Amino acid sequence: MIKHIVCHKYTNRAQAALIAPMLRALVGKVPGLIRMEAGPDILGSARSYDLALVATLEDRAALEVYAQHPEHLQVKEYIHQYLEKSVSVDFEVE
């Protein structure tokens, strides 16, 4: 199993509340995507990012499918209109 974790900083912080449900809606549409947790930051501190997501995928092949899947790319295109910066990490879970 793979955990795909991403944090986004947007030019308009309010976008996080709109983007989180778009990301969660990918479950059932992208093969191999088991779970998607996504939500806006609740603290708004100087070091906070605006949104975090944790995707659980079956394996590395599913991560590759997710990265190129049309439904994901559509959400990603929307996100990139507002994205200032992001960080990510992917790791295997036993």
Foldseek 3Di string as FASTA:
>chain_A
DKKKKKFFAWPDLVCQQVLQVLQQVCVVVQPFFPGKGKGADDPPDPPHGGMMMIIDGDDVVSVVSLVPPPSNVVSVVVRVVTTPDMDMDMDDDD
